[in-house]
Amino acid sequence: MPRSMEPALVSDATELAALHTRTAAALTARFGKGYWSISVSPEGMQRRLREDHVLLLRLGRRIVATLRLTARKPWAIDRSFFVAGQKPLYLLDMAVAPERQGSGIGRRCLEDAKAAARALGADTIRLDAYDAPAGGRRLLPGLRIPRDRTRGLPQGSAHLLRAPAAVNSASSDNPGVIVFPPLLWGGSLLLGLLMQWLLPLPLDLAHFWRYFGVVLAVASGVFAKWGEVQLKRAGTNVRPDRPTTAIVDTGPYRFTRNPLYLSLLGLYVGVTLAVDTWWPLFWLPLVLVTTHYGIIRREERYLAGKFGEPYLEYQRRVRRWV
C-alpha cells in the first residue's frame, strides 16, 4: 500500500491532468459517455492547484490517485441535502488510476481526506455522489440514496464517520431551473385562452395570419420532436431538471442551442394567432424573461461547470436562440 496522500504542487499539474483524462476514458469505455467523461487540461489543473487543496497519492514515482478539497460551495450543490456543519469542505474530482481501482486505494484516499480536513479546521466533508453505474456506491457502501420527493432525483446524505470531519453525500446534477418549461409556457397560454373565453379581446387579424398561426404551431411541434429525438439518440435526458450526460450538436442543435424553447415560443405565438387573441401576448415578455434567467442561464452555468471547454466551444459556435 502506498504512503499517505500529500499536497500537490504546480509542477504536478500535467501528470494530474493526464490521470484525470485516463480515468475518464476508462469510465467512458466501461459505462458509455456521461458526466464522468470530462477530461482535464494541464491549465485547468493549475487553476485548481492555485485555488484549492489538491492532494495526490504516489506509488513509487507515479501518481495513482488524487482528490480536491475546497471551501467554496459548487454552484450546483444544494446544501439542504447534506447534514449540518459549521466548517464544511467539499470533496471533488477524486480519481484513481484505472489499473489500481478495486485495490483499496479509494478508501485510503477518503481516510487521508478526513485527516487533511481536520488539519484545515473543517468539521464536515461534503462529497458529491451519483447513484449511477459509474458512481461511487462501491466505494461508499454505507451511502443511502433515497428519492427526493420534490424533484424525483437521486439524493443522498449519510455520515460515513461518527467523528469530526464526517463525510456526507448528495447528488445535485441538474441545472436547478426555477420552473418546468412546458408548465411555464403551457400554463401561460392556457391562462390566455381562458381569458379570451371569459373576456374576448381579438386581434382582428386577416384569415391569412390565423392560417399562418396554425402552420407555425404545427411546424414548432415538429421542430421540438426533432430536437427531442437528437437528445434521446445521444443518451441524455430531455427534461432540464434531470442530469445532462452529453453535449448534443446534431440536428437542430447545429443552428440553435435551445431548439425546444424556440419551439415553445413558436407554438405559443402560433396558437395565439390561430385563436386571434391579445391575452397570451400580454404576459409573453414575463414568460421570456423567466425562461432566459430562470431556465436558460442556469442551464448554461450548469453545462459550463460540468463539461468545461467542450461546452464553451459549442457556446461560441452556436447562438443561444437563432
C-alpha atoms as a PDB file:
ATOM      1  CA  MET A   1       0.000   0.000   0.000  1.00  0.00           C
ATOM      2  CA  PRO A   2       1.397   3.460  -0.894  1.00  0.00           C
ATOM      3  CA  ARG A   3       2.110   6.047   1.784  1.00  0.00           C
ATOM      4  CA  SER A   4      -0.377   8.762   2.755  1.00  0.00           C
ATOM      5  CA  MET A   5      -1.596  11.469   0.406  1.00  0.00           C
ATOM      6  CA  GLU A   6       0.433  14.640   0.110  1.00  0.00           C
ATOM      7  CA  PRO A   7      -0.297  18.168  -1.152  1.00  0.00           C
ATOM      8  CA  ALA A   8       0.079  18.506  -4.916  1.00  0.00           C
ATOM      9  CA  LEU A   9       2.399  21.086  -6.423  1.00  0.00           C
ATOM     10  CA  VAL A  10       2.001  23.175  -9.572  1.00  0.00           C
ATOM     11  CA  SER A  11       4.720  21.031 -11.136  1.00  0.00           C
ATOM     12  CA  ASP A  12       2.376  18.040 -10.791  1.00  0.00           C
ATOM     13  CA  ALA A  13      -0.337  19.645 -12.939  1.00  0.00           C
ATOM     14  CA  THR A  14       0.489  17.833 -16.202  1.00  0.00           C
ATOM     15  CA  GLU A  15       0.617  14.380 -14.596  1.00  0.00           C
ATOM     16  CA  LEU A  16      -2.560  15.036 -12.602  1.00  0.00           C
ATOM     17  CA  ALA A  17      -4.406  16.160 -15.741  1.00  0.00           C
ATOM     18  CA  ALA A  18      -3.254  13.004 -17.512  1.00  0.00           C
ATOM     19  CA  LEU A  19      -4.529  10.877 -14.595  1.00  0.00           C
ATOM     20  CA  HIS A  20      -7.966  12.530 -14.753  1.00  0.00           C
ATOM     21  CA  THR A  21      -8.095  12.049 -18.516  1.00  0.00           C
ATOM     22  CA  ARG A  22      -7.100   8.355 -18.295  1.00  0.00           C
ATOM     23  CA  THR A  23      -9.677   7.737 -15.582  1.00  0.00           C
ATOM     24  CA  ALA A  24     -12.406   9.491 -17.590  1.00  0.00           C
ATOM     25  CA  ALA A  25     -11.519   7.460 -20.703  1.00  0.00           C
ATOM     26  CA  ALA A  26     -11.639   4.195 -18.743  1.00  0.00           C
ATOM     27  CA  LEU A  27     -15.052   5.017 -17.257  1.00  0.00           C
ATOM     28  CA  THR A  28     -16.381   6.022 -20.673  1.00  0.00           C
ATOM     29  CA  ALA A  29     -15.159   2.774 -22.216  1.00  0.00           C
ATOM     30  CA  ARG A  30     -16.876   0.801 -19.464  1.00  0.00           C
ATOM     31  CA  PHE A  31     -20.116   2.724 -18.899  1.00  0.00           C
ATOM     32  CA  GLY A  32     -20.556   4.861 -22.012  1.00  0.00           C
ATOM     33  CA  LYS A  33     -20.436   8.631 -22.328  1.00  0.00           C
ATOM     34  CA  GLY A  34     -21.597  10.614 -19.323  1.00  0.00           C
ATOM     35  CA  TYR A  35     -20.670  13.295 -16.820  1.00  0.00           C
ATOM     36  CA  TRP A  36     -17.642  11.136 -15.929  1.00  0.00           C
ATOM     37  CA  SER A  37     -16.229  11.577 -19.471  1.00  0.00           C
ATOM     38  CA  ILE A  38     -14.842  15.074 -18.949  1.00  0.00           C
ATOM     39  CA  SER A  39     -11.084  15.441 -19.435  1.00  0.00           C
ATOM     40  CA  VAL A  40      -8.914  17.988 -17.638  1.00  0.00           C
ATOM     41  CA  SER A  41      -6.267  20.184 -19.235  1.00  0.00           C
ATOM     42  CA  PRO A  42      -2.944  20.999 -17.520  1.00  0.00           C
ATOM     43  CA  GLU A  43      -4.039  24.665 -17.455  1.00  0.00           C
ATOM     44  CA  GLY A  44      -7.288  23.756 -15.745  1.00  0.00           C
ATOM     45  CA  MET A  45      -5.369  21.641 -13.259  1.00  0.00           C
ATOM     46  CA  GLN A  46      -3.030  24.526 -12.490  1.00  0.00           C
ATOM     47  CA  ARG A  47      -6.035  26.711 -11.710  1.00  0.00           C
ATOM     48  CA  ARG A  48      -7.374  24.121  -9.271  1.00  0.00           C
ATOM     49  CA  LEU A  49      -3.973  23.898  -7.614  1.00  0.00           C
ATOM     50  CA  ARG A  50      -3.881  27.661  -7.125  1.00  0.00           C
ATOM     51  CA  GLU A  51      -7.417  27.943  -5.744  1.00  0.00           C
ATOM     52  CA  ASP A  52      -7.992  24.764  -3.694  1.00  0.00           C
ATOM     53  CA  HIS A  53      -6.330  21.996  -1.680  1.00  0.00           C
ATOM     54  CA  VAL A  54      -5.370  19.234  -4.139  1.00  0.00           C
ATOM     55  CA  LEU A  55      -3.959  16.021  -2.689  1.00  0.00           C
ATOM     56  CA  LEU A  56      -2.198  13.210  -4.512  1.00  0.00           C
ATOM     57  CA  LEU A  57      -1.071   9.683  -3.725  1.00  0.00           C
ATOM     58  CA  ARG A  58       2.110   8.241  -5.193  1.00  0.00           C
ATOM     59  CA  LEU A  59       3.163   4.667  -5.775  1.00  0.00           C
ATOM     60  CA  GLY A  60       6.865   4.927  -6.312  1.00  0.00           C
ATOM     61  CA  ARG A  61       7.289   7.993  -8.506  1.00  0.00           C
ATOM     62  CA  ARG A  62       3.923   7.656 -10.202  1.00  0.00           C
ATOM     63  CA  ILE A  63       0.734   9.455  -9.120  1.00  0.00           C
ATOM     64  CA  VAL A  64      -2.037   6.861  -8.732  1.00  0.00           C
ATOM     65  CA  ALA A  65      -4.812   8.914  -7.074  1.00  0.00           C
ATOM     66  CA  THR A  66      -5.913  12.469  -6.430  1.00  0.00           C
ATOM     67  CA  LEU A  67      -8.772  14.495  -4.980  1.00  0.00           C
ATOM     68  CA  ARG A  68      -9.610  18.129  -4.306  1.00  0.00           C
ATOM     69  CA  LEU A  69     -10.878  19.806  -1.121  1.00  0.00           C
ATOM     70  CA  THR A  70     -12.460  23.242  -1.360  1.00  0.00           C
ATOM     71  CA  ALA A  71     -14.355  25.519   0.996  1.00  0.00           C
ATOM     72  CA  ARG A  72     -16.184  27.098  -1.946  1.00  0.00           C
ATOM     73  CA  LYS A  73     -19.594  25.528  -2.495  1.00  0.00           C
ATOM     74  CA  PRO A  74     -20.006  24.347  -6.102  1.00  0.00           C
ATOM     75  CA  TRP A  75     -22.881  26.362  -7.544  1.00  0.00           C
ATOM     76  CA  ALA A  76     -24.983  23.257  -8.373  1.00  0.00           C
ATOM     77  CA  ILE A  77     -24.828  21.850  -4.831  1.00  0.00           C
ATOM     78  CA  ASP A  78     -27.936  22.201  -2.670  1.00  0.00           C
ATOM     79  CA  ARG A  79     -26.879  22.460   0.992  1.00  0.00           C
ATOM     80  CA  SER A  80     -30.239  21.155   2.182  1.00  0.00           C
ATOM     81  CA  PHE A  81     -29.288  17.614   1.100  1.00  0.00           C
ATOM     82  CA  PHE A  82     -26.317  17.485   3.491  1.00  0.00           C
ATOM     83  CA  VAL A  83     -26.081  17.121   7.237  1.00  0.00           C
ATOM     84  CA  ALA A  84     -25.287  20.346   9.077  1.00  0.00           C
ATOM     85  CA  GLY A  85     -21.704  21.506   9.505  1.00  0.00           C
ATOM     86  CA  GLN A  86     -20.155  24.730  10.739  1.00  0.00           C
ATOM     87  CA  LYS A  87     -16.983  24.494   8.636  1.00  0.00           C
ATOM     88  CA  PRO A  88     -17.610  22.142   5.695  1.00  0.00           C
ATOM     89  CA  LEU A  89     -15.213  21.247   2.910  1.00  0.00           C
ATOM     90  CA  TYR A  90     -16.370  19.850  -0.443  1.00  0.00           C
ATOM     91  CA  LEU A  91     -14.570  16.810  -1.830  1.00  0.00           C
ATOM     92  CA  LEU A  92     -14.416  16.965  -5.644  1.00  0.00           C
ATOM     93  CA  ASP A  93     -12.570  15.449  -8.609  1.00  0.00           C
ATOM     94  CA  MET A  94     -11.458  12.218  -6.946  1.00  0.00           C
ATOM     95  CA  ALA A  95      -9.654   9.954  -9.424  1.00  0.00           C
ATOM     96  CA  VAL A  96      -7.831   6.637  -9.043  1.00  0.00           C
ATOM     97  CA  ALA A  97      -5.656   5.192 -11.817  1.00  0.00           C
ATOM     98  CA  PRO A  98      -7.742   2.599 -13.717  1.00  0.00           C
ATOM     99  CA  GLU A  99      -5.214  -0.169 -13.152  1.00  0.00           C
ATOM    100  CA  ARG A 100      -5.289   0.495  -9.373  1.00  0.00           C
ATOM    101  CA  GLN A 101      -9.047   0.634  -8.898  1.00  0.00           C
ATOM    102  CA  GLY A 102     -10.503  -2.043  -6.647  1.00  0.00           C
ATOM    103  CA  SER A 103      -7.323  -2.327  -4.595  1.00  0.00           C
ATOM    104  CA  GLY A 104      -8.438  -0.201  -1.641  1.00  0.00           C
ATOM    105  CA  ILE A 105      -6.715   2.993  -2.754  1.00  0.00           C
ATOM    106  CA  GLY A 106     -10.008   4.909  -3.000  1.00  0.00           C
ATOM    107  CA  ARG A 107     -10.927   4.129   0.602  1.00  0.00           C
ATOM    108  CA  ARG A 108      -7.400   5.049   1.656  1.00  0.00           C
ATOM    109  CA  CYS A 109      -7.846   8.399  -0.050  1.00  0.00           C
ATOM    110  CA  LEU A 110     -11.061   9.035   1.892  1.00  0.00           C
ATOM    111  CA  GLU A 111      -9.284   8.375   5.180  1.00  0.00           C
ATOM    112  CA  ASP A 112      -6.464  10.741   4.189  1.00  0.00           C
ATOM    113  CA  ALA A 113      -9.012  13.343   3.110  1.00  0.00           C
ATOM    114  CA  LYS A 114     -10.578  13.211   6.571  1.00  0.00           C
ATOM    115  CA  ALA A 115      -7.196  13.786   8.189  1.00  0.00           C
ATOM    116  CA  ALA A 116      -6.448  16.676   5.832  1.00  0.00           C
ATOM    117  CA  ALA A 117      -9.872  18.221   6.518  1.00  0.00           C
ATOM    118  CA  ARG A 118      -9.276  18.091  10.277  1.00  0.00           C
ATOM    119  CA  ALA A 119      -5.901  19.759   9.793  1.00  0.00           C
ATOM    120  CA  LEU A 120      -7.615  22.523   7.824  1.00  0.00           C
ATOM    121  CA  GLY A 121     -10.110  23.063  10.664  1.00  0.00           C
ATOM    122  CA  ALA A 122     -13.139  21.545   8.898  1.00  0.00           C
ATOM    123  CA  ASP A 123     -15.820  19.617  10.761  1.00  0.00           C
ATOM    124  CA  THR A 124     -17.527  18.059   7.713  1.00  0.00           C
ATOM    125  CA  ILE A 125     -16.608  16.814   4.253  1.00  0.00           C
ATOM    126  CA  ARG A 126     -19.397  17.058   1.702  1.00  0.00           C
ATOM    127  CA  LEU A 127     -18.991  14.573  -1.111  1.00  0.00           C
ATOM    128  CA  ASP A 128     -20.981  14.814  -4.325  1.00  0.00           C
ATOM    129  CA  ALA A 129     -22.005  11.248  -5.254  1.00  0.00           C
ATOM    130  CA  TYR A 130     -24.131   9.845  -8.054  1.00  0.00           C
ATOM    131  CA  ASP A 131     -26.440   6.857  -7.955  1.00  0.00           C
ATOM    132  CA  ALA A 132     -25.207   5.581 -11.323  1.00  0.00           C
ATOM    133  CA  PRO A 133     -23.152   2.594 -12.563  1.00  0.00           C
ATOM    134  CA  ALA A 134     -20.070   4.805 -12.778  1.00  0.00           C
ATOM    135  CA  GLY A 135     -20.754   6.400  -9.385  1.00  0.00           C
ATOM    136  CA  GLY A 136     -19.139   5.766  -6.044  1.00  0.00           C
ATOM    137  CA  ARG A 137     -21.592   3.310  -4.477  1.00  0.00           C
ATOM    138  CA  ARG A 138     -18.986   0.516  -4.300  1.00  0.00           C
ATOM    139  CA  LEU A 139     -16.521   2.904  -2.696  1.00  0.00           C
ATOM    140  CA  LEU A 140     -19.182   4.162  -0.282  1.00  0.00           C
ATOM    141  CA  PRO A 141     -21.150   1.113   0.824  1.00  0.00           C
ATOM    142  CA  GLY A 142     -22.693   2.991   3.743  1.00  0.00           C
ATOM    143  CA  LEU A 143     -24.268   5.591   1.486  1.00  0.00           C
ATOM    144  CA  ARG A 144     -28.065   5.727   1.418  1.00  0.00           C
ATOM    145  CA  ILE A 145     -29.528   7.439  -1.648  1.00  0.00           C
ATOM    146  CA  PRO A 146     -33.282   7.983  -1.266  1.00  0.00           C
ATOM    147  CA  ARG A 147     -35.522   9.763  -3.766  1.00  0.00           C
ATOM    148  CA  ASP A 148     -36.074  13.463  -3.438  1.00  0.00           C
ATOM    149  CA  ARG A 149     -39.845  13.845  -3.410  1.00  0.00           C
ATOM    150  CA  THR A 150     -39.865  17.298  -4.950  1.00  0.00           C
ATOM    151  CA  ARG A 151     -37.677  16.685  -7.987  1.00  0.00           C
ATOM    152  CA  GLY A 152     -37.521  12.916  -8.392  1.00  0.00           C
ATOM    153  CA  LEU A 153     -33.722  12.923  -8.385  1.00  0.00           C
ATOM    154  CA  PRO A 154     -31.456  10.514  -6.541  1.00  0.00           C
ATOM    155  CA  GLN A 155     -30.220  12.372  -3.493  1.00  0.00           C
ATOM    156  CA  GLY A 156     -28.216  11.050  -0.595  1.00  0.00           C
ATOM    157  CA  SER A 157     -26.964  12.205   2.768  1.00  0.00           C
ATOM    158  CA  ALA A 158     -25.134   9.863   5.095  1.00  0.00           C
ATOM    159  CA  HIS A 159     -22.433  10.061   7.756  1.00  0.00           C
ATOM    160  CA  LEU A 160     -19.549   7.748   6.953  1.00  0.00           C
ATOM    161  CA  LEU A 161     -17.785   8.663  10.211  1.00  0.00           C
ATOM    162  CA  ARG A 162     -19.002   9.392  13.697  1.00  0.00           C
ATOM    163  CA  ALA A 163     -16.006  11.587  14.323  1.00  0.00           C
ATOM    164  CA  PRO A 164     -15.219  15.172  13.325  1.00  0.00           C
ATOM    165  CA  ALA A 165     -14.806  15.767   9.600  1.00  0.00           C
ATOM    166  CA  ALA A 166     -17.579  13.320   8.802  1.00  0.00           C
ATOM    167  CA  VAL A 167     -18.344  12.718   5.153  1.00  0.00           C
ATOM    168  CA  ASN A 168     -21.870  13.143   3.847  1.00  0.00           C
ATOM    169  CA  SER A 169     -23.002  12.897   0.275  1.00  0.00           C
ATOM    170  CA  ALA A 170     -25.519  14.229  -2.207  1.00  0.00           C
ATOM    171  CA  SER A 171     -26.252  14.435  -5.894  1.00  0.00           C
ATOM    172  CA  SER A 172     -27.453  17.702  -7.407  1.00  0.00           C
ATOM    173  CA  ASP A 173     -26.525  17.009 -11.000  1.00  0.00           C
ATOM    174  CA  ASN A 174     -29.086  19.276 -12.650  1.00  0.00           C
ATOM    175  CA  PRO A 175     -29.313  22.960 -13.602  1.00  0.00           C
ATOM    176  CA  GLY A 176     -31.753  23.867 -10.833  1.00  0.00           C
ATOM    177  CA  VAL A 177     -34.245  25.572 -13.161  1.00  0.00           C
ATOM    178  CA  ILE A 178     -36.889  27.518 -11.276  1.00  0.00           C
ATOM    179  CA  VAL A 179     -39.843  26.108 -13.222  1.00  0.00           C
ATOM    180  CA  PHE A 180     -40.534  23.209 -15.597  1.00  0.00           C
ATOM    181  CA  PRO A 181     -40.565  24.910 -19.058  1.00  0.00           C
ATOM    182  CA  PRO A 182     -43.684  23.208 -20.538  1.00  0.00           C
ATOM    183  CA  LEU A 183     -45.565  24.139 -17.356  1.00  0.00           C
ATOM    184  CA  LEU A 184     -44.488  27.785 -17.662  1.00  0.00           C
ATOM    185  CA  TRP A 185     -45.352  28.127 -21.348  1.00  0.00           C
ATOM    186  CA  GLY A 186     -48.392  25.850 -21.358  1.00  0.00           C
ATOM    187  CA  GLY A 187     -49.855  27.382 -18.220  1.00  0.00           C
ATOM    188  CA  SER A 188     -49.416  30.915 -19.547  1.00  0.00           C
ATOM    189  CA  LEU A 189     -51.007  30.003 -22.872  1.00  0.00           C
ATOM    190  CA  LEU A 190     -53.957  28.245 -21.218  1.00  0.00           C
ATOM    191  CA  LEU A 191     -54.482  31.265 -18.966  1.00  0.00           C
ATOM    192  CA  GLY A 192     -54.616  33.469 -22.062  1.00  0.00           C
ATOM    193  CA  LEU A 193     -57.134  31.184 -23.757  1.00  0.00           C
ATOM    194  CA  LEU A 194     -59.259  31.144 -20.606  1.00  0.00           C
ATOM    195  CA  MET A 195     -59.248  34.966 -20.507  1.00  0.00           C
ATOM    196  CA  GLN A 196     -60.230  35.054 -24.180  1.00  0.00           C
ATOM    197  CA  TRP A 197     -63.192  32.810 -23.399  1.00  0.00           C
ATOM    198  CA  LEU A 198     -64.249  34.909 -20.414  1.00  0.00           C
ATOM    199  CA  LEU A 199     -63.478  38.327 -21.868  1.00  0.00           C
ATOM    200  CA  PRO A 200     -62.848  38.207 -25.646  1.00  0.00           C
ATOM    201  CA  LEU A 201     -60.140  40.549 -26.862  1.00  0.00           C
ATOM    202  CA  PRO A 202     -59.473  39.697 -30.526  1.00  0.00           C
ATOM    203  CA  LEU A 203     -56.506  40.797 -32.591  1.00  0.00           C
ATOM    204  CA  ASP A 204     -58.844  41.237 -35.582  1.00  0.00           C
ATOM    205  CA  LEU A 205     -56.365  39.556 -37.900  1.00  0.00           C
ATOM    206  CA  ALA A 206     -56.905  38.672 -41.510  1.00  0.00           C
ATOM    207  CA  HIS A 207     -57.557  34.993 -42.228  1.00  0.00           C
ATOM    208  CA  PHE A 208     -54.025  34.635 -43.628  1.00  0.00           C
ATOM    209  CA  TRP A 209     -52.478  35.276 -40.219  1.00  0.00           C
ATOM    210  CA  ARG A 210     -54.771  32.815 -38.498  1.00  0.00           C
ATOM    211  CA  TYR A 211     -53.793  30.120 -41.008  1.00  0.00           C
ATOM    212  CA  PHE A 212     -50.167  31.147 -40.580  1.00  0.00           C
ATOM    213  CA  GLY A 213     -50.552  30.622 -36.816  1.00  0.00           C
ATOM    214  CA  VAL A 214     -51.759  27.061 -37.394  1.00  0.00           C
ATOM    215  CA  VAL A 215     -48.789  26.316 -39.662  1.00  0.00           C
ATOM    216  CA  LEU A 216     -46.365  27.900 -37.171  1.00  0.00           C
ATOM    217  CA  ALA A 217     -47.754  25.838 -34.279  1.00  0.00           C
ATOM    218  CA  VAL A 218     -47.523  22.571 -36.235  1.00  0.00           C
ATOM    219  CA  ALA A 219     -44.018  23.371 -37.502  1.00  0.00           C
ATOM    220  CA  SER A 220     -42.909  24.210 -33.959  1.00  0.00           C
ATOM    221  CA  GLY A 221     -44.177  20.845 -32.729  1.00  0.00           C
ATOM    222  CA  VAL A 222     -42.231  19.036 -35.463  1.00  0.00           C
ATOM    223  CA  PHE A 223     -39.116  21.075 -34.675  1.00  0.00           C
ATOM    224  CA  ALA A 224     -39.417  20.190 -30.984  1.00  0.00           C
ATOM    225  CA  LYS A 225     -39.763  16.489 -31.796  1.00  0.00           C
ATOM    226  CA  TRP A 226     -36.628  16.685 -33.959  1.00  0.00           C
ATOM    227  CA  GLY A 227     -34.683  18.147 -31.035  1.00  0.00           C
ATOM    228  CA  GLU A 228     -36.075  15.554 -28.616  1.00  0.00           C
ATOM    229  CA  VAL A 229     -35.003  12.721 -30.918  1.00  0.00           C
ATOM    230  CA  GLN A 230     -31.428  14.067 -31.026  1.00  0.00           C
ATOM    231  CA  LEU A 231     -31.246  14.180 -27.219  1.00  0.00           C
ATOM    232  CA  LYS A 232     -32.520  10.626 -26.869  1.00  0.00           C
ATOM    233  CA  ARG A 233     -30.083   9.345 -29.504  1.00  0.00           C
ATOM    234  CA  ALA A 234     -27.224  10.880 -27.514  1.00  0.00           C
ATOM    235  CA  GLY A 235     -28.461   9.105 -24.379  1.00  0.00           C
ATOM    236  CA  THR A 236     -29.099  12.281 -22.399  1.00  0.00           C
ATOM    237  CA  ASN A 237     -32.209  13.473 -20.605  1.00  0.00           C
ATOM    238  CA  VAL A 238     -34.781  15.697 -22.281  1.00  0.00           C
ATOM    239  CA  ARG A 239     -36.086  17.164 -19.029  1.00  0.00           C
ATOM    240  CA  PRO A 240     -33.981  20.077 -17.707  1.00  0.00           C
ATOM    241  CA  ASP A 241     -34.499  19.014 -14.080  1.00  0.00           C
ATOM    242  CA  ARG A 242     -32.518  15.815 -14.671  1.00  0.00           C
ATOM    243  CA  PRO A 243     -28.778  15.269 -15.338  1.00  0.00           C
ATOM    244  CA  THR A 244     -27.306  16.129 -18.721  1.00  0.00           C
ATOM    245  CA  THR A 245     -24.863  13.423 -19.801  1.00  0.00           C
ATOM    246  CA  ALA A 246     -23.765  14.674 -23.248  1.00  0.00           C
ATOM    247  CA  ILE A 247     -23.397  17.831 -25.319  1.00  0.00           C
ATOM    248  CA  VAL A 248     -25.625  17.481 -28.387  1.00  0.00           C
ATOM    249  CA  ASP A 249     -24.678  19.408 -31.540  1.00  0.00           C
ATOM    250  CA  THR A 250     -26.618  17.470 -34.165  1.00  0.00           C
ATOM    251  CA  GLY A 251     -29.984  18.110 -35.794  1.00  0.00           C
ATOM    252  CA  PRO A 252     -31.461  21.478 -34.753  1.00  0.00           C
ATOM    253  CA  TYR A 253     -28.679  21.879 -32.185  1.00  0.00           C
ATOM    254  CA  ARG A 254     -26.397  22.813 -35.089  1.00  0.00           C
ATOM    255  CA  PHE A 255     -28.344  26.068 -35.504  1.00  0.00           C
ATOM    256  CA  THR A 256     -29.605  26.935 -32.013  1.00  0.00           C
ATOM    257  CA  ARG A 257     -28.609  25.874 -28.512  1.00  0.00           C
ATOM    258  CA  ASN A 258     -32.239  25.883 -27.408  1.00  0.00           C
ATOM    259  CA  PRO A 259     -34.466  24.351 -30.107  1.00  0.00           C
ATOM    260  CA  LEU A 260     -37.002  23.106 -27.547  1.00  0.00           C
ATOM    261  CA  TYR A 261     -37.521  26.562 -26.054  1.00  0.00           C
ATOM    262  CA  LEU A 262     -37.603  28.088 -29.536  1.00  0.00           C
ATOM    263  CA  SER A 263     -40.335  25.561 -30.350  1.00  0.00           C
ATOM    264  CA  LEU A 264     -42.301  26.561 -27.251  1.00  0.00           C
ATOM    265  CA  LEU A 265     -42.142  30.187 -28.391  1.00  0.00           C
ATOM    266  CA  GLY A 266     -43.301  29.255 -31.896  1.00  0.00           C
ATOM    267  CA  LEU A 267     -46.135  27.118 -30.527  1.00  0.00           C
ATOM    268  CA  TYR A 268     -47.195  29.894 -28.124  1.00  0.00           C
ATOM    269  CA  VAL A 269     -47.288  32.570 -30.837  1.00  0.00           C
ATOM    270  CA  GLY A 270     -48.828  30.212 -33.375  1.00  0.00           C
ATOM    271  CA  VAL A 271     -51.760  29.270 -31.142  1.00  0.00           C
ATOM    272  CA  THR A 272     -52.234  32.933 -30.186  1.00  0.00           C
ATOM    273  CA  LEU A 273     -52.509  33.935 -33.852  1.00  0.00           C
ATOM    274  CA  ALA A 274     -54.751  30.998 -34.707  1.00  0.00           C
ATOM    275  CA  VAL A 275     -57.168  31.812 -31.875  1.00  0.00           C
ATOM    276  CA  ASP A 276     -56.948  35.548 -32.704  1.00  0.00           C
ATOM    277  CA  THR A 277     -56.468  36.910 -29.169  1.00  0.00           C
ATOM    278  CA  TRP A 278     -54.373  39.518 -27.407  1.00  0.00           C
ATOM    279  CA  TRP A 279     -54.408  37.869 -23.980  1.00  0.00           C
ATOM    280  CA  PRO A 280     -51.365  35.496 -24.175  1.00  0.00           C
ATOM    281  CA  LEU A 281     -49.259  38.333 -25.627  1.00  0.00           C
ATOM    282  CA  PHE A 282     -49.754  40.487 -22.529  1.00  0.00           C
ATOM    283  CA  TRP A 283     -47.607  38.209 -20.330  1.00  0.00           C
ATOM    284  CA  LEU A 284     -45.315  36.846 -23.056  1.00  0.00           C
ATOM    285  CA  PRO A 285     -42.484  39.256 -22.000  1.00  0.00           C
ATOM    286  CA  LEU A 286     -42.631  37.874 -18.447  1.00  0.00           C
ATOM    287  CA  VAL A 287     -42.536  34.309 -19.791  1.00  0.00           C
ATOM    288  CA  LEU A 288     -39.495  35.154 -21.937  1.00  0.00           C
ATOM    289  CA  VAL A 289     -37.639  36.818 -19.040  1.00  0.00           C
ATOM    290  CA  THR A 290     -38.367  33.848 -16.766  1.00  0.00           C
ATOM    291  CA  THR A 291     -37.166  31.427 -19.446  1.00  0.00           C
ATOM    292  CA  HIS A 292     -33.977  33.407 -20.028  1.00  0.00           C
ATOM    293  CA  TYR A 293     -32.901  33.977 -16.434  1.00  0.00           C
ATOM    294  CA  GLY A 294     -34.643  31.166 -14.582  1.00  0.00           C
ATOM    295  CA  ILE A 295     -34.020  28.371 -17.067  1.00  0.00           C
ATOM    296  CA  ILE A 296     -31.560  29.037 -19.909  1.00  0.00           C
ATOM    297  CA  ARG A 297     -28.914  30.963 -17.957  1.00  0.00           C
ATOM    298  CA  ARG A 298     -28.990  28.352 -15.190  1.00  0.00           C
ATOM    299  CA  GLU A 299     -28.589  25.583 -17.748  1.00  0.00           C
ATOM    300  CA  GLU A 300     -25.639  27.382 -19.318  1.00  0.00           C
ATOM    301  CA  ARG A 301     -23.835  27.762 -15.987  1.00  0.00           C
ATOM    302  CA  TYR A 302     -24.518  24.104 -15.196  1.00  0.00           C
ATOM    303  CA  LEU A 303     -23.238  22.850 -18.573  1.00  0.00           C
ATOM    304  CA  ALA A 304     -20.150  25.086 -18.474  1.00  0.00           C
ATOM    305  CA  GLY A 305     -19.293  23.820 -14.992  1.00  0.00           C
ATOM    306  CA  LYS A 306     -19.921  20.198 -15.907  1.00  0.00           C
ATOM    307  CA  PHE A 307     -18.417  19.922 -19.390  1.00  0.00           C
ATOM    308  CA  GLY A 308     -15.918  22.785 -19.372  1.00  0.00           C
ATOM    309  CA  GLU A 309     -14.203  23.738 -22.607  1.00  0.00           C
ATOM    310  CA  PRO A 310     -16.192  21.418 -24.942  1.00  0.00           C
ATOM    311  CA  TYR A 311     -19.407  23.210 -23.982  1.00  0.00           C
ATOM    312  CA  LEU A 312     -17.779  26.664 -24.067  1.00  0.00           C
ATOM    313  CA  GLU A 313     -16.584  25.918 -27.607  1.00  0.00           C
ATOM    314  CA  TYR A 314     -20.103  24.855 -28.602  1.00  0.00           C
ATOM    315  CA  GLN A 315     -21.437  28.005 -26.955  1.00  0.00           C
ATOM    316  CA  ARG A 316     -19.100  30.140 -29.065  1.00  0.00           C
ATOM    317  CA  ARG A 317     -20.056  28.284 -32.245  1.00  0.00           C
ATOM    318  CA  VAL A 318     -23.859  28.184 -31.927  1.00  0.00           C
ATOM    319  CA  ARG A 319     -26.216  31.008 -30.940  1.00  0.00           C
ATOM    320  CA  ARG A 320     -28.457  30.837 -27.886  1.00  0.00           C
ATOM    321  CA  TRP A 321     -31.620  31.333 -29.958  1.00  0.00           C
ATOM    322  CA  VAL A 322     -31.068  31.777 -33.728  1.00  0.00           C
END
